[in-house]
Amino acid sequence: MKTSRRRFLAGASATVLVPAPHLALAQKKYDDGASDGEIKIGHTCPYSGPASAYGVNGKAIVAFWDMINDTGGLNGRKIKFITLDDGYSPPKTVEMIRQLVEQERVLCTHNTLGTACNTAIHKYMNQKKVPHLYVASGASKWGNPKDFPWTMGYAPDYHTEAVIYAKHILANVKDARIGVLMQNDDYGKDYWEGFKEGLGKEIDRVVKHVTFEVTDPTVDSQIIQLKAADANVFFNIATPKFAAQAMRKVADLNWKPVQYLNNVSASVGTVMRPAGFDNVQGVITAAYLMDPTDPTWAEHEDMKAFKAWMAKYHPTAHLADLGNVSGYTVSFLMAETLRRCGSELTRANVMKQATSFQKFRVPMLLPGITVSTSPTDYYPIQAVQLQRFKGQTWELFGEILHAESS
């Protein structure tokens, strides 16, 4: 998309506007979902259905707000976090978001999951002028403040991530012949468009491009087609269940391509382990979060605090599920956004604070990666580092790669 095209540069920063504590009381002002004692936040997530592996994210967010409420809330207000299961079905998402906005009267939504699901509510949220914040999808469309000023993403966008993979392939794989597996929806197409842009005039190196539907039982036949095309590189654009299936089938066929896996399926617990550790050695992906399975971070203060939170508030979850880290970090940013609102808990002020971060450090982001936003930059995180799977975890390599809107 034109609004999402990136250059590999360090991003510009915005000025942080934090209301002074003594002014917060004088400016006490509320929209729907806020009061002296409570802030209501809405959320949808697939706890069931073909993308239920992402239910981990929602459960982690619930646990985060439990911690916030236990420690006094935000500026003395408790968080009422209402999370609903949409089964990764866009019509269901629409129904539930209408319920959250019109019946529950939430102040904002937070980290609603899925590209297609968020696309289905994109216009509605902006027509209603309800903050649609830190969307759990890296689609580049969430960074379009001109047309959709109430919607903002969170993770590095898919388009940029795919450009990075394409450039890495061209620089590192001799005589690359690329096979692409793509989920057939807006999420998959966003990666595919970025990948094509990264290849540029080398686009003919893609020898086979196959798609699948989220309702398909397996992607086995697609992997067979890619191997038959004599590809020596495999770009896996798939959500967790299908990503794991694909890598397992690659191994079953004794096919040995260089494998690139989209970041949304980088969880050791929900993807790499089910695929079989022996089958995923050397797979490459992009990272922006510390992985709890990586011993590099064992003594890092962020990791110690994260593990203490997991033990107290989320004890039944597995440290190997990266969705827990994602839910924790995005909720930390949401909490800080609301904290900065003071007692002016209007939807307009929520967006004002969300667009005023300057190199803000969120715990569990990789060192060197921070959050910066502005009224014209709706991409909070614009940097990644490549990593390769080794043994039973990821191993980072190379430099932090920054990107900036152009």
Protein backbone atom coordinates (compact mmCIF):
# COMPACT_ATOMS: atom_id res chain seq x y z
CA MET A 1 0.00 0.00 0.00
CA LYS A 2 1.19 3.48 -0.69
CA THR A 3 0.78 4.50 2.92
CA SER A 4 3.00 1.69 4.14
CA ARG A 5 6.03 1.79 1.84
CA ARG A 6 9.23 1.76 3.92
CA ARG A 7 12.86 2.74 3.73
CA PHE A 8 15.45 1.07 5.95
CA LEU A 9 16.21 4.07 8.11
CA ALA A 10 15.91 5.06 11.73
CA GLY A 11 12.47 6.55 12.37
CA ALA A 12 11.78 10.16 13.33
CA SER A 13 10.27 10.79 16.75
CA ALA A 14 7.30 12.74 18.03
CA THR A 15 7.01 14.96 21.10
CA VAL A 16 5.57 13.28 24.19
CA LEU A 17 2.69 15.19 25.75
CA VAL A 18 2.13 14.10 29.34
CA PRO A 19 -0.48 16.00 31.35
CA ALA A 20 0.87 17.33 34.63
CA PRO A 21 -0.62 15.47 37.64
CA HIS A 22 -2.09 18.64 39.16
CA LEU A 23 -3.90 19.41 35.89
CA ALA A 24 -5.45 15.97 35.60
CA LEU A 25 -8.05 16.65 38.30
CA ALA A 26 -8.97 20.04 36.87
CA GLN A 27 -9.50 18.47 33.45
CA LYS A 28 -11.62 15.51 34.59
CA LYS A 29 -13.61 14.55 31.54
CA TYR A 30 -15.11 11.23 30.46
CA ASP A 31 -16.52 9.55 27.36
CA ASP A 32 -18.39 6.24 27.30
CA GLY A 33 -16.46 3.54 29.14
CA ALA A 34 -14.74 5.79 31.69
CA SER A 35 -15.70 6.97 35.16
CA ASP A 36 -14.12 7.87 38.48
CA GLY A 37 -13.68 4.20 39.30
CA GLU A 38 -13.46 2.22 36.04
CA ILE A 39 -12.20 2.07 32.45
CA LYS A 40 -13.88 -0.38 30.06
CA ILE A 41 -11.81 -1.91 27.25
CA GLY A 42 -13.15 -4.25 24.55
CA HIS A 43 -11.36 -7.13 22.83
CA THR A 44 -12.02 -9.96 20.37
CA CYS A 45 -9.82 -13.02 19.88
CA PRO A 46 -10.13 -16.55 18.43
CA TYR A 47 -10.33 -18.77 21.48
CA SER A 48 -11.87 -21.38 19.15
CA GLY A 49 -11.74 -22.19 15.44
CA PRO A 50 -8.84 -22.54 12.95
CA ALA A 51 -6.69 -19.85 14.60
CA SER A 52 -7.37 -20.84 18.22
CA ALA A 53 -3.61 -20.99 18.87
CA TYR A 54 -3.87 -17.20 19.12
CA GLY A 55 -6.13 -17.58 22.15
CA VAL A 56 -2.87 -17.50 24.12
CA ASN A 57 -2.63 -13.76 23.39
CA GLY A 58 -6.06 -13.01 24.80
CA LYS A 59 -5.48 -15.00 27.98
CA ALA A 60 -2.17 -13.18 28.54
CA ILE A 61 -3.90 -9.79 28.18
CA VAL A 62 -6.54 -10.83 30.75
CA ALA A 63 -3.71 -11.79 33.13
CA PHE A 64 -1.97 -8.44 32.57
CA TRP A 65 -5.07 -6.44 33.52
CA ASP A 66 -5.52 -8.69 36.56
CA MET A 67 -2.05 -7.55 37.66
CA ILE A 68 -2.88 -3.87 37.00
CA ASN A 69 -6.09 -4.12 39.03
CA ASP A 70 -4.32 -5.93 41.89
CA THR A 71 -1.79 -3.11 42.11
CA GLY A 72 -4.35 -0.29 42.28
CA GLY A 73 -5.43 0.12 38.68
CA LEU A 74 -4.56 3.12 36.50
CA ASN A 75 -4.73 6.51 38.23
CA GLY A 76 -7.01 4.86 40.79
CA ARG A 77 -9.36 3.29 38.22
CA LYS A 78 -9.86 -0.44 37.76
CA ILE A 79 -9.82 -1.90 34.26
CA LYS A 80 -12.87 -3.84 33.11
CA PHE A 81 -11.49 -5.86 30.20
CA ILE A 82 -14.20 -7.56 28.15
CA THR A 83 -12.82 -10.23 25.80
CA LEU A 84 -15.07 -12.19 23.40
CA ASP A 85 -14.40 -15.25 21.23
CA ASP A 86 -14.93 -14.47 17.53
CA GLY A 87 -13.52 -17.78 16.26
CA TYR A 88 -11.44 -15.86 13.65
CA SER A 89 -14.68 -15.23 11.74
CA PRO A 90 -15.09 -11.64 10.43
CA PRO A 91 -18.93 -11.64 10.60
CA LYS A 92 -18.70 -12.76 14.23
CA THR A 93 -16.15 -10.02 14.94
CA VAL A 94 -18.56 -7.41 13.56
CA GLU A 95 -21.35 -8.70 15.78
CA MET A 96 -19.17 -8.70 18.88
CA ILE A 97 -17.63 -5.28 18.27
CA ARG A 98 -21.10 -3.78 17.88
CA GLN A 99 -21.98 -5.36 21.22
CA LEU A 100 -18.86 -3.93 22.86
CA VAL A 101 -19.34 -0.42 21.43
CA GLU A 102 -23.14 -0.06 21.54
CA GLN A 103 -24.12 -2.18 24.56
CA GLU A 104 -21.04 -2.41 26.78
CA ARG A 105 -20.06 1.14 25.71
CA VAL A 106 -16.31 0.55 25.97
CA LEU A 107 -13.93 3.50 25.89
CA CYS A 108 -11.75 1.77 23.28
CA THR A 109 -10.78 -1.61 21.88
CA HIS A 110 -7.35 -3.10 22.36
CA ASN A 111 -5.38 -5.71 20.37
CA THR A 112 -8.37 -7.18 18.49
CA LEU A 113 -6.86 -10.10 16.59
CA GLY A 114 -6.65 -10.99 12.91
CA THR A 115 -6.26 -9.08 9.66
CA ALA A 116 -9.58 -10.13 8.11
CA CYS A 117 -11.41 -9.66 11.43
CA ASN A 118 -10.04 -6.15 11.93
CA THR A 119 -10.69 -5.26 8.29
CA ALA A 120 -14.35 -6.10 8.90
CA ILE A 121 -14.60 -3.52 11.73
CA HIS A 122 -12.16 -0.93 10.36
CA LYS A 123 -14.70 1.52 8.90
CA TYR A 124 -17.19 1.01 11.72
CA MET A 125 -14.66 1.92 14.43
CA ASN A 126 -13.66 5.06 12.57
CA GLN A 127 -17.25 6.10 11.84
CA LYS A 128 -18.02 5.69 15.55
CA LYS A 129 -14.77 7.46 16.49
CA VAL A 130 -13.82 4.74 18.96
CA PRO A 131 -10.06 4.14 19.43
CA HIS A 132 -9.20 0.87 17.67
CA LEU A 133 -5.79 0.51 19.22
CA TYR A 134 -2.72 -1.67 18.90
CA VAL A 135 -4.39 -4.07 16.51
CA ALA A 136 -3.10 -7.67 16.69
CA SER A 137 -2.19 -7.85 13.02
CA GLY A 138 0.82 -6.47 11.21
CA ALA A 139 -1.14 -5.46 8.11
CA SER A 140 0.21 -2.21 6.72
CA LYS A 141 -3.30 -0.75 6.42
CA TRP A 142 -3.40 0.05 10.17
CA GLY A 143 -0.93 2.88 9.60
CA ASN A 144 -3.22 5.18 7.60
CA PRO A 145 -4.09 8.15 9.87
CA LYS A 146 -5.35 10.26 6.97
CA ASP A 147 -8.26 7.94 6.18
CA PHE A 148 -8.55 5.96 9.45
CA PRO A 149 -7.43 8.24 12.30
CA TRP A 150 -8.93 6.01 15.03
CA THR A 151 -7.04 2.79 14.10
CA MET A 152 -3.42 2.03 14.98
CA GLY A 153 -1.36 -1.16 14.69
CA TYR A 154 1.36 -2.40 17.02
CA ALA A 155 3.75 -4.97 15.58
CA PRO A 156 6.17 -4.32 12.69
CA ASP A 157 4.08 -4.42 9.53
CA TYR A 158 3.94 -7.47 7.29
CA HIS A 159 4.92 -5.52 4.17
CA THR A 160 8.25 -4.40 5.64
CA GLU A 161 8.95 -7.81 7.15
CA ALA A 162 8.49 -9.49 3.77
CA VAL A 163 10.75 -6.93 2.05
CA ILE A 164 13.48 -7.88 4.57
CA TYR A 165 13.11 -11.60 3.78
CA ALA A 166 13.25 -10.98 0.03
CA LYS A 167 16.41 -8.90 0.31
CA HIS A 168 18.01 -11.49 2.60
CA ILE A 169 17.23 -14.26 0.10
CA LEU A 170 18.73 -12.31 -2.80
CA ALA A 171 21.87 -11.56 -0.78
CA ASN A 172 22.38 -15.04 0.69
CA VAL A 173 20.88 -17.79 -1.48
CA LYS A 174 22.73 -18.57 -4.68
CA ASP A 175 20.45 -19.10 -7.71
CA ALA A 176 17.35 -18.77 -5.55
CA ARG A 177 14.23 -20.53 -6.82
CA ILE A 178 11.45 -19.54 -4.46
CA GLY A 179 8.27 -21.36 -3.53
CA VAL A 180 5.62 -19.38 -1.64
CA LEU A 181 2.76 -20.71 0.50
CA MET A 182 0.22 -17.99 1.26
CA GLN A 183 -2.94 -17.83 3.36
CA ASN A 184 -5.54 -16.50 0.92
CA ASP A 185 -6.71 -13.34 2.68
CA ASP A 186 -5.63 -9.76 3.35
CA TYR A 187 -2.95 -10.89 5.80
CA GLY A 188 -1.34 -13.24 3.29
CA LYS A 189 -1.60 -10.75 0.43
CA ASP A 190 0.08 -8.02 2.50
CA TYR A 191 3.14 -10.24 2.99
CA TRP A 192 3.07 -11.24 -0.68
CA GLU A 193 3.00 -7.62 -1.90
CA GLY A 194 5.95 -6.73 0.34
CA PHE A 195 7.85 -9.81 -0.80
CA LYS A 196 7.34 -8.90 -4.47
CA GLU A 197 8.52 -5.36 -3.79
CA GLY A 198 11.64 -6.68 -2.04
CA LEU A 199 12.47 -8.96 -4.98
CA GLY A 200 11.94 -6.13 -7.48
CA LYS A 201 13.23 -7.12 -10.90
CA GLU A 202 14.15 -10.57 -9.48
CA ILE A 203 10.45 -11.46 -9.09
CA ASP A 204 10.90 -14.27 -11.64
CA ARG A 205 12.82 -16.14 -8.95
CA VAL A 206 9.40 -17.16 -7.59
CA VAL A 207 8.88 -20.48 -9.38
CA LYS A 208 5.61 -21.41 -7.62
CA HIS A 209 3.06 -19.48 -5.55
CA VAL A 210 0.26 -21.49 -3.93
CA THR A 211 -2.55 -20.47 -1.57
CA PHE A 212 -4.77 -22.08 1.05
CA GLU A 213 -7.96 -21.17 2.92
CA VAL A 214 -8.21 -21.12 6.72
CA THR A 215 -11.02 -23.66 6.37
CA ASP A 216 -8.72 -26.18 4.62
CA PRO A 217 -7.87 -29.23 6.75
CA THR A 218 -4.18 -29.32 5.70
CA VAL A 219 -1.66 -27.69 3.34
CA ASP A 220 0.00 -30.98 2.39
CA SER A 221 -0.96 -30.79 -1.29
CA GLN A 222 0.39 -27.24 -1.55
CA ILE A 223 3.77 -28.27 -0.11
CA ILE A 224 3.94 -31.17 -2.57
CA GLN A 225 3.41 -28.66 -5.42
CA LEU A 226 6.18 -26.39 -4.16
CA LYS A 227 8.67 -29.25 -3.95
CA ALA A 228 7.65 -30.43 -7.44
CA ALA A 229 8.48 -26.95 -8.77
CA ASP A 230 12.10 -27.57 -7.71
CA ALA A 231 12.17 -24.60 -5.34
CA ASN A 232 15.25 -24.26 -3.12
CA VAL A 233 13.70 -21.52 -0.93
CA PHE A 234 10.38 -21.80 0.92
CA PHE A 235 8.57 -18.69 2.17
CA ASN A 236 5.91 -19.82 4.65
CA ILE A 237 3.11 -17.19 4.96
CA ALA A 238 0.81 -19.05 7.33
CA THR A 239 -0.85 -18.77 10.73
CA PRO A 240 0.39 -21.17 13.47
CA LYS A 241 -1.55 -24.36 12.73
CA PHE A 242 -0.77 -24.31 9.00
CA ALA A 243 2.80 -23.06 9.45
CA ALA A 244 3.58 -26.08 11.65
CA GLN A 245 1.83 -28.45 9.22
CA ALA A 246 3.81 -27.01 6.30
CA MET A 247 7.23 -27.40 7.95
CA ARG A 248 6.38 -30.93 9.05
CA LYS A 249 5.36 -31.84 5.48
CA VAL A 250 8.57 -30.30 4.08
CA ALA A 251 10.49 -32.73 6.32
CA ASP A 252 8.24 -35.69 5.44
CA LEU A 253 9.03 -35.10 1.75
CA ASN A 254 12.77 -34.90 2.48
CA TRP A 255 12.72 -31.51 0.75
CA LYS A 256 15.61 -29.29 1.89
CA PRO A 257 14.86 -25.66 0.96
CA VAL A 258 16.10 -22.63 2.89
CA GLN A 259 12.99 -21.76 4.93
CA TYR A 260 11.65 -18.32 5.84
CA LEU A 261 8.73 -18.19 8.28
CA ASN A 262 6.53 -15.15 8.91
CA ASN A 263 6.87 -13.69 12.41
CA VAL A 264 3.22 -14.35 13.35
CA SER A 265 4.11 -18.05 13.55
CA ALA A 266 7.43 -17.79 15.37
CA SER A 267 6.21 -19.22 18.69
CA VAL A 268 8.31 -22.13 19.90
CA GLY A 269 5.39 -23.56 21.86
CA THR A 270 2.56 -23.26 19.35
CA VAL A 271 4.48 -23.77 16.07
CA MET A 272 8.07 -24.98 16.23
CA ARG A 273 7.56 -27.73 18.83
CA PRO A 274 4.41 -29.14 17.10
CA ALA A 275 6.29 -29.10 13.78
CA GLY A 276 9.06 -31.15 15.42
CA PHE A 277 12.35 -29.58 16.49
CA ASP A 278 14.30 -31.86 14.13
CA ASN A 279 12.19 -30.53 11.22
CA VAL A 280 12.72 -26.81 11.80
CA GLN A 281 16.48 -26.44 12.22
CA GLY A 282 17.78 -23.41 10.31
CA VAL A 283 14.37 -21.82 9.69
CA ILE A 284 14.69 -18.00 9.53
CA THR A 285 12.22 -15.41 10.81
CA ALA A 286 12.16 -11.80 12.03
CA ALA A 287 11.85 -10.95 15.73
CA TYR A 288 11.04 -7.91 17.82
CA LEU A 289 10.31 -9.64 21.17
CA MET A 290 12.56 -11.44 23.64
CA ASP A 291 11.81 -15.16 23.48
CA PRO A 292 11.53 -16.84 26.92
CA THR A 293 13.10 -20.02 25.46
CA ASP A 294 16.26 -18.11 24.46
CA PRO A 295 18.91 -18.44 27.22
CA THR A 296 20.39 -15.10 26.09
CA TRP A 297 17.75 -13.30 28.16
CA ALA A 298 17.70 -15.55 31.24
CA GLU A 299 19.30 -12.94 33.52
CA HIS A 300 17.78 -9.86 31.88
CA GLU A 301 15.64 -7.79 34.27
CA ASP A 302 12.75 -7.73 31.76
CA MET A 303 12.72 -11.52 31.56
CA LYS A 304 12.89 -11.93 35.34
CA ALA A 305 9.91 -9.59 35.78
CA PHE A 306 8.00 -11.34 32.98
CA LYS A 307 8.56 -14.79 34.49
CA ALA A 308 7.48 -13.53 37.93
CA TRP A 309 4.28 -12.15 36.35
CA MET A 310 3.66 -15.45 34.55
CA ALA A 311 4.13 -17.42 37.76
CA LYS A 312 1.70 -15.24 39.72
CA TYR A 313 -0.97 -14.23 37.20
CA HIS A 314 -0.74 -16.76 34.37
CA PRO A 315 0.58 -19.98 35.97
CA THR A 316 -1.16 -22.44 33.61
CA ALA A 317 0.44 -20.89 30.49
CA HIS A 318 3.67 -22.15 28.90
CA LEU A 319 6.76 -19.95 28.72
CA ALA A 320 7.42 -21.30 25.22
CA ASP A 321 4.24 -19.65 23.87
CA LEU A 322 5.37 -16.32 22.43
CA GLY A 323 1.77 -15.09 22.51
CA ASN A 324 2.24 -14.50 26.23
CA VAL A 325 5.07 -12.05 25.51
CA SER A 326 3.04 -10.34 22.81
CA GLY A 327 0.02 -9.94 25.10
CA TYR A 328 2.21 -8.64 27.93
CA THR A 329 4.06 -6.03 25.85
CA VAL A 330 1.04 -4.67 23.98
CA SER A 331 -0.89 -4.38 27.25
CA PHE A 332 2.00 -2.51 28.84
CA LEU A 333 1.75 0.04 26.01
CA MET A 334 -2.05 0.27 26.37
CA ALA A 335 -1.70 0.81 30.12
CA GLU A 336 0.84 3.57 29.59
CA THR A 337 -1.43 5.23 27.00
CA LEU A 338 -4.32 5.30 29.47
CA ARG A 339 -2.06 6.39 32.34
CA ARG A 340 -0.96 9.41 30.31
CA CYS A 341 -4.60 10.40 29.81
CA GLY A 342 -4.80 11.30 33.51
CA SER A 343 -8.46 12.09 34.26
CA GLU A 344 -9.24 13.26 30.73
CA LEU A 345 -10.50 9.88 29.62
CA THR A 346 -12.04 10.92 26.33
CA ARG A 347 -11.63 8.97 23.15
CA ALA A 348 -9.89 11.95 21.53
CA ASN A 349 -7.35 12.14 24.35
CA VAL A 350 -6.72 8.39 24.20
CA MET A 351 -5.72 8.86 20.54
CA LYS A 352 -3.71 11.98 21.39
CA GLN A 353 -1.63 10.01 23.89
CA ALA A 354 -1.34 6.98 21.57
CA THR A 355 0.17 9.25 18.90
CA SER A 356 2.67 10.91 21.25
CA PHE A 357 5.29 8.29 22.11
CA GLN A 358 8.97 9.05 21.61
CA LYS A 359 11.43 6.16 21.70
CA PHE A 360 9.42 4.63 24.53
CA ARG A 361 10.91 1.47 25.99
CA VAL A 362 8.43 -1.38 26.41
CA PRO A 363 9.68 -4.31 28.53
CA MET A 364 10.44 -7.51 26.57
CA LEU A 365 11.06 -5.75 23.26
CA LEU A 366 14.50 -6.61 21.91
CA PRO A 367 17.21 -4.17 23.05
CA GLY A 368 17.40 -1.30 20.56
CA ILE A 369 13.73 -1.55 19.59
CA THR A 370 11.42 1.15 20.99
CA VAL A 371 7.97 2.64 20.36
CA SER A 372 7.62 5.95 18.50
CA THR A 373 4.38 7.41 17.13
CA SER A 374 3.06 10.76 15.95
CA PRO A 375 -0.16 12.12 14.42
CA THR A 376 1.28 11.13 11.03
CA ASP A 377 3.10 7.91 12.06
CA TYR A 378 0.80 5.11 13.20
CA TYR A 379 3.47 2.39 13.21
CA PRO A 380 4.55 2.00 16.87
CA ILE A 381 7.28 -0.60 16.25
CA GLN A 382 9.38 -0.20 13.12
CA ALA A 383 12.36 -2.49 13.68
CA VAL A 384 13.16 -6.21 13.68
CA GLN A 385 16.15 -8.51 13.95
CA LEU A 386 16.53 -11.74 12.02
CA GLN A 387 16.85 -15.02 13.90
CA ARG A 388 17.50 -18.65 12.98
CA PHE A 389 16.13 -21.73 14.74
CA LYS A 390 18.82 -23.80 16.45
CA GLY A 391 18.28 -26.70 18.84
CA GLN A 392 15.06 -25.87 20.68
CA THR A 393 15.03 -22.08 20.40
CA TRP A 394 15.79 -19.07 18.21
CA GLU A 395 19.26 -17.57 17.78
CA LEU A 396 19.41 -13.89 16.79
CA PHE A 397 21.89 -12.75 14.14
CA GLY A 398 22.80 -9.57 12.29
CA GLU A 399 21.87 -6.01 13.18
CA ILE A 400 18.56 -4.43 14.22
CA LEU A 401 16.87 -3.42 10.95
CA HIS A 402 14.90 -0.16 11.21
CA ALA A 403 12.17 0.99 8.87
CA GLU A 404 10.39 4.29 8.38
CA SER A 405 7.28 5.40 6.53
CA SER A 406 8.05 7.11 3.24
